[in-house]
Amino acid sequence: DSSLMADDRPYEIVADGESTGFVELPVDWILDDAPLMNPLGERYSNPREVLQVYKDEFDIAYEERTVFLLTMHPHYIGHRSRIVALRELIEYIKTRPGVWFGTHEEAVRWVRPEGLHVTLRFLGEIAVDRIPELVGCVSREMDSLGSFRVRLGGVRPFPSARRPNLIVLDVAPVEPLEELAEAVERGVVAAGFAPEPRRFRAHLTLGRVRSRRFPSAPSAMTPEPAAWNVSEAVLFRSELRRSGARYTPLERIPLVTPSVSITP
């Protein structure tokens, strides 16, 4: 949504005092070509005057390290003299270091449905001949664990709202996931890998924030109730491609002992 115009920086929409998880990239009339390039009384605005307005608006946005969002209509901006002014504006903006040109969609790269997973342990580059020992050690640590049921929680930025790298879904309850992650960690270390210094934080990655200049990200909101059984741990090979990461399952370690489930 870009219609509320409550600020000149991205902000979260709050409804009835409650977080919605929706972030508005606000437009503003002064950055809209319609009111500036429509007839004003008996004359049209001079494209060079409008260009100076846009330059001044950009300069302050650049100082504040926030969004400069133009609204352009082909039937207004599309005249020759106005296109010349717009081209000059773009060239002016490009002279400033660190400026990112992007669409709303490009602000976050969403994960394909088939790539959704909870990361228990990231291994990085490992030799193929180490996989059998790794799987064997992890299997032994997981031998006493049973399957369990988890449900979706809220949407939030990760690791923090101030500097988000990811948009994630919380999953609950966290206790059986933490127990599983601890077992995987013990197995990984037993196989000769260095311990993971970071604390496990259960989440399901929805998207990766592409621009660090994006100053806001969705806060917690509650999706439709959904729950599923966790019945195995999977060793994936991750290949980074231009279209996003591709995950290929290499080994599956089942959770076979029945355990208590939860109701979403």
C-alpha atoms as a PDB file:
ATOM      1  CA  ASP A   1       0.000   0.000   0.000  1.00  0.00           C
ATOM      2  CA  SER A   2       1.256   3.497  -0.811  1.00  0.00           C
ATOM      3  CA  SER A   3      -1.867   5.564  -0.305  1.00  0.00           C
ATOM      4  CA  LEU A   4      -1.818   6.775   3.298  1.00  0.00           C
ATOM      5  CA  MET A   5       1.081   9.276   2.982  1.00  0.00           C
ATOM      6  CA  ALA A   6       1.660   9.310   6.736  1.00  0.00           C
ATOM      7  CA  ASP A   7       5.432   9.841   6.450  1.00  0.00           C
ATOM      8  CA  ASP A   8       8.136  10.342   3.855  1.00  0.00           C
ATOM      9  CA  ARG A   9       9.942   7.179   5.000  1.00  0.00           C
ATOM     10  CA  PRO A  10       8.724   3.556   4.911  1.00  0.00           C
ATOM     11  CA  TYR A  11       6.695   2.676   7.993  1.00  0.00           C
ATOM     12  CA  GLU A  12       4.544  -0.139   9.325  1.00  0.00           C
ATOM     13  CA  ILE A  13       0.776   0.257   9.090  1.00  0.00           C
ATOM     14  CA  VAL A  14      -0.935  -0.048  12.481  1.00  0.00           C
ATOM     15  CA  ALA A  15      -4.650  -0.866  12.624  1.00  0.00           C
ATOM     16  CA  ASP A  16      -6.627  -0.270  15.820  1.00  0.00           C
ATOM     17  CA  GLY A  17      -3.382  -0.019  17.729  1.00  0.00           C
ATOM     18  CA  GLU A  18      -2.201  -3.440  16.508  1.00  0.00           C
ATOM     19  CA  SER A  19       0.745  -4.340  14.305  1.00  0.00           C
ATOM     20  CA  THR A  20      -0.304  -5.520  10.826  1.00  0.00           C
ATOM     21  CA  GLY A  21       3.059  -6.572   9.375  1.00  0.00           C
ATOM     22  CA  PHE A  22       2.444  -4.429   6.268  1.00  0.00           C
ATOM     23  CA  VAL A  23       5.075  -1.838   5.389  1.00  0.00           C
ATOM     24  CA  GLU A  24       4.033   1.172   3.342  1.00  0.00           C
ATOM     25  CA  LEU A  25       6.416   2.677   0.803  1.00  0.00           C
ATOM     26  CA  PRO A  26       4.736   6.068   0.849  1.00  0.00           C
ATOM     27  CA  VAL A  27       4.143   8.283  -2.146  1.00  0.00           C
ATOM     28  CA  ASP A  28       3.791  12.047  -1.833  1.00  0.00           C
ATOM     29  CA  TRP A  29       2.092  14.635  -3.998  1.00  0.00           C
ATOM     30  CA  ILE A  30       5.305  16.630  -4.376  1.00  0.00           C
ATOM     31  CA  LEU A  31       6.971  13.562  -5.921  1.00  0.00           C
ATOM     32  CA  ASP A  32       4.005  12.845  -8.200  1.00  0.00           C
ATOM     33  CA  ASP A  33       4.135  14.183 -11.764  1.00  0.00           C
ATOM     34  CA  ALA A  34       0.356  14.677 -11.972  1.00  0.00           C
ATOM     35  CA  PRO A  35      -0.070  17.753  -9.715  1.00  0.00           C
ATOM     36  CA  LEU A  36       3.219  19.335 -10.827  1.00  0.00           C
ATOM     37  CA  MET A  37       2.840  18.801 -14.558  1.00  0.00           C
ATOM     38  CA  ASN A  38      -0.900  19.227 -14.932  1.00  0.00           C
ATOM     39  CA  PRO A  39      -2.123  22.710 -15.867  1.00  0.00           C
ATOM     40  CA  LEU A  40      -1.824  25.127 -12.952  1.00  0.00           C
ATOM     41  CA  GLY A  41      -4.393  27.758 -13.655  1.00  0.00           C
ATOM     42  CA  GLU A  42      -3.689  28.774 -17.240  1.00  0.00           C
ATOM     43  CA  ARG A  43      -0.199  27.360 -17.622  1.00  0.00           C
ATOM     44  CA  TYR A  44       1.825  24.150 -17.372  1.00  0.00           C
ATOM     45  CA  SER A  45       4.738  23.834 -14.939  1.00  0.00           C
ATOM     46  CA  ASN A  46       8.132  24.341 -16.483  1.00  0.00           C
ATOM     47  CA  PRO A  47       9.894  20.903 -16.630  1.00  0.00           C
ATOM     48  CA  ARG A  48      13.135  22.582 -15.487  1.00  0.00           C
ATOM     49  CA  GLU A  49      11.388  23.913 -12.373  1.00  0.00           C
ATOM     50  CA  VAL A  50       9.966  20.477 -11.615  1.00  0.00           C
ATOM     51  CA  LEU A  51      13.433  18.972 -12.131  1.00  0.00           C
ATOM     52  CA  GLN A  52      14.840  21.295  -9.468  1.00  0.00           C
ATOM     53  CA  VAL A  53      12.083  20.302  -7.037  1.00  0.00           C
ATOM     54  CA  TYR A  54      12.921  16.624  -7.568  1.00  0.00           C
ATOM     55  CA  LYS A  55      16.661  17.269  -7.136  1.00  0.00           C
ATOM     56  CA  ASP A  56      16.090  19.085  -3.855  1.00  0.00           C
ATOM     57  CA  GLU A  57      13.807  16.297  -2.603  1.00  0.00           C
ATOM     58  CA  PHE A  58      16.385  13.676  -3.543  1.00  0.00           C
ATOM     59  CA  ASP A  59      19.253  15.544  -1.872  1.00  0.00           C
ATOM     60  CA  ILE A  60      17.491  15.539   1.502  1.00  0.00           C
ATOM     61  CA  ALA A  61      16.401  11.891   1.108  1.00  0.00           C
ATOM     62  CA  TYR A  62      20.034  11.016   0.356  1.00  0.00           C
ATOM     63  CA  GLU A  63      21.231  12.825   3.479  1.00  0.00           C
ATOM     64  CA  GLU A  64      18.634  10.941   5.537  1.00  0.00           C
ATOM     65  CA  ARG A  65      19.575   7.631   3.836  1.00  0.00           C
ATOM     66  CA  THR A  66      15.965   6.803   3.090  1.00  0.00           C
ATOM     67  CA  VAL A  67      13.654   6.227   0.121  1.00  0.00           C
ATOM     68  CA  PHE A  68      13.147   8.600  -2.801  1.00  0.00           C
ATOM     69  CA  LEU A  69       9.948   7.352  -4.464  1.00  0.00           C
ATOM     70  CA  LEU A  70       8.705   9.013  -7.661  1.00  0.00           C
ATOM     71  CA  THR A  71       5.225   8.460  -9.081  1.00  0.00           C
ATOM     72  CA  MET A  72       5.292   8.822 -12.858  1.00  0.00           C
ATOM     73  CA  HIS A  73       2.382   8.591 -15.332  1.00  0.00           C
ATOM     74  CA  PRO A  74       3.218   7.967 -19.002  1.00  0.00           C
ATOM     75  CA  HIS A  75       0.670  10.524 -20.234  1.00  0.00           C
ATOM     76  CA  TYR A  76       2.217  13.242 -18.013  1.00  0.00           C
ATOM     77  CA  ILE A  77       5.948  12.524 -17.921  1.00  0.00           C
ATOM     78  CA  GLY A  78       5.987  11.085 -21.445  1.00  0.00           C
ATOM     79  CA  HIS A  79       6.239  14.406 -23.302  1.00  0.00           C
ATOM     80  CA  ARG A  80       9.630  15.079 -24.879  1.00  0.00           C
ATOM     81  CA  SER A  81      10.712  18.012 -22.750  1.00  0.00           C
ATOM     82  CA  ARG A  82       9.668  16.203 -19.567  1.00  0.00           C
ATOM     83  CA  ILE A  83      11.520  13.020 -20.544  1.00  0.00           C
ATOM     84  CA  VAL A  84      14.651  15.150 -20.981  1.00  0.00           C
ATOM     85  CA  ALA A  85      14.190  16.467 -17.434  1.00  0.00           C
ATOM     86  CA  LEU A  86      13.582  12.968 -16.056  1.00  0.00           C
ATOM     87  CA  ARG A  87      16.686  11.658 -17.803  1.00  0.00           C
ATOM     88  CA  GLU A  88      18.728  14.477 -16.287  1.00  0.00           C
ATOM     89  CA  LEU A  89      17.328  13.661 -12.842  1.00  0.00           C
ATOM     90  CA  ILE A  90      18.346  10.007 -13.175  1.00  0.00           C
ATOM     91  CA  GLU A  91      21.861  10.969 -14.262  1.00  0.00           C
ATOM     92  CA  TYR A  92      22.065  13.386 -11.319  1.00  0.00           C
ATOM     93  CA  ILE A  93      21.023  10.677  -8.842  1.00  0.00           C
ATOM     94  CA  LYS A  94      23.559   8.240 -10.323  1.00  0.00           C
ATOM     95  CA  THR A  95      26.407  10.592  -9.448  1.00  0.00           C
ATOM     96  CA  ARG A  96      25.839   9.931  -5.728  1.00  0.00           C
ATOM     97  CA  PRO A  97      27.704   6.886  -4.391  1.00  0.00           C
ATOM     98  CA  GLY A  98      25.728   4.060  -2.808  1.00  0.00           C
ATOM     99  CA  VAL A  99      22.366   4.800  -4.443  1.00  0.00           C
ATOM    100  CA  TRP A 100      20.275   1.720  -5.239  1.00  0.00           C
ATOM    101  CA  PHE A 101      17.591   1.790  -7.954  1.00  0.00           C
ATOM    102  CA  GLY A 102      14.986  -0.867  -7.310  1.00  0.00           C
ATOM    103  CA  THR A 103      11.358  -1.883  -7.536  1.00  0.00           C
ATOM    104  CA  HIS A 104       9.138  -2.784  -4.583  1.00  0.00           C
ATOM    105  CA  GLU A 105       9.449  -6.445  -5.543  1.00  0.00           C
ATOM    106  CA  GLU A 106      13.239  -6.243  -5.596  1.00  0.00           C
ATOM    107  CA  ALA A 107      13.395  -4.989  -2.015  1.00  0.00           C
ATOM    108  CA  VAL A 108      12.945  -8.576  -0.767  1.00  0.00           C
ATOM    109  CA  ARG A 109      13.840 -11.813  -2.582  1.00  0.00           C
ATOM    110  CA  TRP A 110      11.229 -14.383  -1.614  1.00  0.00           C
ATOM    111  CA  VAL A 111      12.053 -18.050  -1.093  1.00  0.00           C
ATOM    112  CA  ARG A 112      10.368 -20.547  -3.413  1.00  0.00           C
ATOM    113  CA  PRO A 113       7.857 -22.817  -1.618  1.00  0.00           C
ATOM    114  CA  GLU A 114       9.964 -25.917  -2.313  1.00  0.00           C
ATOM    115  CA  GLY A 115      12.935 -24.230  -0.628  1.00  0.00           C
ATOM    116  CA  LEU A 116      11.214 -23.494   2.684  1.00  0.00           C
ATOM    117  CA  HIS A 117      12.953 -25.192   5.623  1.00  0.00           C
ATOM    118  CA  VAL A 118      14.131 -24.686   9.190  1.00  0.00           C
ATOM    119  CA  THR A 119      17.945 -24.598   9.315  1.00  0.00           C
ATOM    120  CA  LEU A 120      19.194 -26.716  12.228  1.00  0.00           C
ATOM    121  CA  ARG A 121      22.898 -26.358  11.418  1.00  0.00           C
ATOM    122  CA  PHE A 122      24.773 -24.653   8.563  1.00  0.00           C
ATOM    123  CA  LEU A 123      27.903 -26.560   7.529  1.00  0.00           C
ATOM    124  CA  GLY A 124      29.382 -24.577   4.638  1.00  0.00           C
ATOM    125  CA  GLU A 125      31.698 -26.318   2.179  1.00  0.00           C
ATOM    126  CA  ILE A 126      32.448 -29.928   3.160  1.00  0.00           C
ATOM    127  CA  ALA A 127      34.144 -32.798   1.362  1.00  0.00           C
ATOM    128  CA  VAL A 128      31.802 -35.446  -0.037  1.00  0.00           C
ATOM    129  CA  ASP A 129      33.773 -38.257   1.615  1.00  0.00           C
ATOM    130  CA  ARG A 130      32.969 -36.809   5.055  1.00  0.00           C
ATOM    131  CA  ILE A 131      29.207 -37.180   4.588  1.00  0.00           C
ATOM    132  CA  PRO A 132      28.861 -40.853   5.677  1.00  0.00           C
ATOM    133  CA  GLU A 133      30.636 -40.240   9.005  1.00  0.00           C
ATOM    134  CA  LEU A 134      28.677 -37.021   9.536  1.00  0.00           C
ATOM    135  CA  VAL A 135      25.340 -38.715   8.919  1.00  0.00           C
ATOM    136  CA  GLY A 136      26.289 -41.624  11.168  1.00  0.00           C
ATOM    137  CA  CYS A 137      27.247 -39.353  14.094  1.00  0.00           C
ATOM    138  CA  VAL A 138      24.116 -37.228  13.769  1.00  0.00           C
ATOM    139  CA  SER A 139      21.905 -40.343  13.473  1.00  0.00           C
ATOM    140  CA  ARG A 140      23.271 -41.717  16.738  1.00  0.00           C
ATOM    141  CA  GLU A 141      22.566 -38.452  18.564  1.00  0.00           C
ATOM    142  CA  MET A 142      19.037 -38.325  17.147  1.00  0.00           C
ATOM    143  CA  ASP A 143      18.299 -41.965  17.910  1.00  0.00           C
ATOM    144  CA  SER A 144      16.309 -41.220  21.078  1.00  0.00           C
ATOM    145  CA  LEU A 145      14.258 -38.376  19.579  1.00  0.00           C
ATOM    146  CA  GLY A 146      10.762 -38.802  18.217  1.00  0.00           C
ATOM    147  CA  SER A 147       8.680 -36.919  15.710  1.00  0.00           C
ATOM    148  CA  PHE A 148       6.758 -33.881  16.880  1.00  0.00           C
ATOM    149  CA  ARG A 149       4.339 -31.288  15.611  1.00  0.00           C
ATOM    150  CA  VAL A 150       4.980 -27.561  15.118  1.00  0.00           C
ATOM    151  CA  ARG A 151       2.856 -24.617  14.042  1.00  0.00           C
ATOM    152  CA  LEU A 152       3.492 -21.281  12.374  1.00  0.00           C
ATOM    153  CA  GLY A 153       4.010 -18.176  14.495  1.00  0.00           C
ATOM    154  CA  GLY A 154       4.315 -14.517  13.544  1.00  0.00           C
ATOM    155  CA  VAL A 155       6.149 -12.793  10.679  1.00  0.00           C
ATOM    156  CA  ARG A 156       9.138 -10.704  11.737  1.00  0.00           C
ATOM    157  CA  PRO A 157      12.455  -9.280  10.528  1.00  0.00           C
ATOM    158  CA  PHE A 158      15.559 -11.302  11.430  1.00  0.00           C
ATOM    159  CA  PRO A 159      17.837 -10.896  13.274  1.00  0.00           C
ATOM    160  CA  SER A 160      16.352  -7.506  14.231  1.00  0.00           C
ATOM    161  CA  ALA A 161      13.970  -4.863  12.900  1.00  0.00           C
ATOM    162  CA  ARG A 162      16.757  -2.275  12.858  1.00  0.00           C
ATOM    163  CA  ARG A 163      19.035  -4.196  10.481  1.00  0.00           C
ATOM    164  CA  PRO A 164      17.025  -7.033   8.922  1.00  0.00           C
ATOM    165  CA  ASN A 165      18.721  -9.654   6.764  1.00  0.00           C
ATOM    166  CA  LEU A 166      15.683 -11.914   6.465  1.00  0.00           C
ATOM    167  CA  ILE A 167      11.916 -11.905   6.680  1.00  0.00           C
ATOM    168  CA  VAL A 168      10.984 -14.991   8.702  1.00  0.00           C
ATOM    169  CA  LEU A 169       8.104 -16.910  10.243  1.00  0.00           C
ATOM    170  CA  ASP A 170       8.446 -18.025  13.826  1.00  0.00           C
ATOM    171  CA  VAL A 171       7.649 -21.661  14.549  1.00  0.00           C
ATOM    172  CA  ALA A 172       6.374 -23.059  17.834  1.00  0.00           C
ATOM    173  CA  PRO A 173       6.871 -24.741  20.168  1.00  0.00           C
ATOM    174  CA  VAL A 174      10.603 -24.062  20.116  1.00  0.00           C
ATOM    175  CA  GLU A 175      11.584 -26.668  22.731  1.00  0.00           C
ATOM    176  CA  PRO A 176      11.489 -29.793  20.500  1.00  0.00           C
ATOM    177  CA  LEU A 177      13.229 -27.883  17.701  1.00  0.00           C
ATOM    178  CA  GLU A 178      15.936 -26.748  20.112  1.00  0.00           C
ATOM    179  CA  GLU A 179      16.346 -30.327  21.347  1.00  0.00           C
ATOM    180  CA  LEU A 180      16.682 -31.533  17.763  1.00  0.00           C
ATOM    181  CA  ALA A 181      19.181 -28.772  16.910  1.00  0.00           C
ATOM    182  CA  GLU A 182      21.254 -29.667  19.984  1.00  0.00           C
ATOM    183  CA  ALA A 183      21.346 -33.325  18.934  1.00  0.00           C
ATOM    184  CA  VAL A 184      22.417 -32.356  15.408  1.00  0.00           C
ATOM    185  CA  GLU A 185      25.109 -30.082  16.843  1.00  0.00           C
ATOM    186  CA  ARG A 186      26.503 -32.871  19.046  1.00  0.00           C
ATOM    187  CA  GLY A 187      26.650 -35.170  16.042  1.00  0.00           C
ATOM    188  CA  VAL A 188      28.345 -32.558  13.855  1.00  0.00           C
ATOM    189  CA  VAL A 189      31.009 -31.911  16.500  1.00  0.00           C
ATOM    190  CA  ALA A 190      31.502 -35.674  17.021  1.00  0.00           C
ATOM    191  CA  ALA A 191      32.176 -35.937  13.280  1.00  0.00           C
ATOM    192  CA  GLY A 192      35.090 -33.532  13.650  1.00  0.00           C
ATOM    193  CA  PHE A 193      33.535 -30.199  12.713  1.00  0.00           C
ATOM    194  CA  ALA A 194      34.059 -27.030  14.736  1.00  0.00           C
ATOM    195  CA  PRO A 195      31.258 -26.102  17.179  1.00  0.00           C
ATOM    196  CA  GLU A 196      28.703 -23.501  16.081  1.00  0.00           C
ATOM    197  CA  PRO A 197      29.193 -20.398  18.286  1.00  0.00           C
ATOM    198  CA  ARG A 198      25.802 -18.868  17.440  1.00  0.00           C
ATOM    199  CA  ARG A 199      22.694 -19.781  19.378  1.00  0.00           C
ATOM    200  CA  PHE A 200      20.021 -21.692  17.457  1.00  0.00           C
ATOM    201  CA  ARG A 201      16.945 -19.531  16.776  1.00  0.00           C
ATOM    202  CA  ALA A 202      14.060 -21.462  15.250  1.00  0.00           C
ATOM    203  CA  HIS A 203      12.524 -19.752  12.206  1.00  0.00           C
ATOM    204  CA  LEU A 204      11.300 -20.369   8.673  1.00  0.00           C
ATOM    205  CA  THR A 205      12.906 -18.031   6.125  1.00  0.00           C
ATOM    206  CA  LEU A 206      10.403 -16.399   3.754  1.00  0.00           C
ATOM    207  CA  GLY A 207      12.633 -13.874   2.039  1.00  0.00           C
ATOM    208  CA  ARG A 208      16.032 -12.213   2.031  1.00  0.00           C
ATOM    209  CA  VAL A 209      16.250  -8.449   2.286  1.00  0.00           C
ATOM    210  CA  ARG A 210      18.234  -7.259  -0.714  1.00  0.00           C
ATOM    211  CA  SER A 211      18.868  -3.642   0.217  1.00  0.00           C
ATOM    212  CA  ARG A 212      20.433  -2.644   3.545  1.00  0.00           C
ATOM    213  CA  ARG A 213      19.125   0.859   2.836  1.00  0.00           C
ATOM    214  CA  PHE A 214      15.618  -0.380   3.424  1.00  0.00           C
ATOM    215  CA  PRO A 215      14.960   1.139   6.871  1.00  0.00           C
ATOM    216  CA  SER A 216      11.888  -0.895   7.793  1.00  0.00           C
ATOM    217  CA  ALA A 217      10.566  -4.438   7.643  1.00  0.00           C
ATOM    218  CA  PRO A 218       7.405  -6.246   8.702  1.00  0.00           C
ATOM    219  CA  SER A 219       6.936  -6.725  12.423  1.00  0.00           C
ATOM    220  CA  ALA A 220       5.016  -9.588  13.992  1.00  0.00           C
ATOM    221  CA  MET A 221       1.691 -10.597  12.502  1.00  0.00           C
ATOM    222  CA  THR A 222      -0.193 -13.864  12.751  1.00  0.00           C
ATOM    223  CA  PRO A 223      -0.729 -15.970   9.583  1.00  0.00           C
ATOM    224  CA  GLU A 224      -3.518 -18.461   9.097  1.00  0.00           C
ATOM    225  CA  PRO A 225      -3.091 -21.397  11.531  1.00  0.00           C
ATOM    226  CA  ALA A 226      -0.984 -24.161  10.025  1.00  0.00           C
ATOM    227  CA  ALA A 227       0.811 -27.082  11.611  1.00  0.00           C
ATOM    228  CA  TRP A 228       2.829 -30.029  10.370  1.00  0.00           C
ATOM    229  CA  ASN A 229       4.735 -33.053  11.624  1.00  0.00           C
ATOM    230  CA  VAL A 230       8.524 -32.927  11.921  1.00  0.00           C
ATOM    231  CA  SER A 231       9.533 -36.496  11.134  1.00  0.00           C
ATOM    232  CA  GLU A 232      13.077 -36.201   9.797  1.00  0.00           C
ATOM    233  CA  ALA A 233      16.210 -34.096   9.486  1.00  0.00           C
ATOM    234  CA  VAL A 234      17.562 -33.628   5.967  1.00  0.00           C
ATOM    235  CA  LEU A 235      21.106 -32.885   4.845  1.00  0.00           C
ATOM    236  CA  PHE A 236      20.790 -30.468   1.923  1.00  0.00           C
ATOM    237  CA  ARG A 237      23.272 -29.297  -0.651  1.00  0.00           C
ATOM    238  CA  SER A 238      22.703 -25.598  -1.337  1.00  0.00           C
ATOM    239  CA  GLU A 239      23.674 -24.127  -4.703  1.00  0.00           C
ATOM    240  CA  LEU A 240      23.495 -20.364  -5.134  1.00  0.00           C
ATOM    241  CA  ARG A 241      22.191 -19.305  -8.541  1.00  0.00           C
ATOM    242  CA  ARG A 242      21.081 -16.030 -10.075  1.00  0.00           C
ATOM    243  CA  SER A 243      17.475 -17.123  -9.618  1.00  0.00           C
ATOM    244  CA  GLY A 244      18.058 -17.970  -5.941  1.00  0.00           C
ATOM    245  CA  ALA A 245      19.288 -20.913  -3.878  1.00  0.00           C
ATOM    246  CA  ARG A 246      18.569 -24.450  -5.055  1.00  0.00           C
ATOM    247  CA  TYR A 247      18.363 -27.149  -2.362  1.00  0.00           C
ATOM    248  CA  THR A 248      19.090 -30.798  -3.158  1.00  0.00           C
ATOM    249  CA  PRO A 249      18.486 -33.433  -0.421  1.00  0.00           C
ATOM    250  CA  LEU A 250      21.506 -35.709   0.081  1.00  0.00           C
ATOM    251  CA  GLU A 251      20.585 -37.734   3.194  1.00  0.00           C
ATOM    252  CA  ARG A 252      17.483 -38.112   5.372  1.00  0.00           C
ATOM    253  CA  ILE A 253      17.620 -39.045   9.058  1.00  0.00           C
ATOM    254  CA  PRO A 254      14.208 -40.102  10.411  1.00  0.00           C
ATOM    255  CA  LEU A 255      12.703 -39.324  13.791  1.00  0.00           C
ATOM    256  CA  VAL A 256      11.038 -42.623  14.606  1.00  0.00           C
ATOM    257  CA  THR A 257      10.044 -42.615  18.283  1.00  0.00           C
ATOM    258  CA  PRO A 258       6.444 -41.403  18.787  1.00  0.00           C
ATOM    259  CA  SER A 259       6.100 -38.292  20.898  1.00  0.00           C
ATOM    260  CA  VAL A 260       3.416 -35.894  22.095  1.00  0.00           C
ATOM    261  CA  SER A 261       1.840 -33.658  19.452  1.00  0.00           C
ATOM    262  CA  ILE A 262       0.275 -30.232  19.850  1.00  0.00           C
ATOM    263  CA  THR A 263      -2.962 -28.711  18.642  1.00  0.00           C
ATOM    264  CA  PRO A 264      -2.641 -25.492  16.608  1.00  0.00           C
END
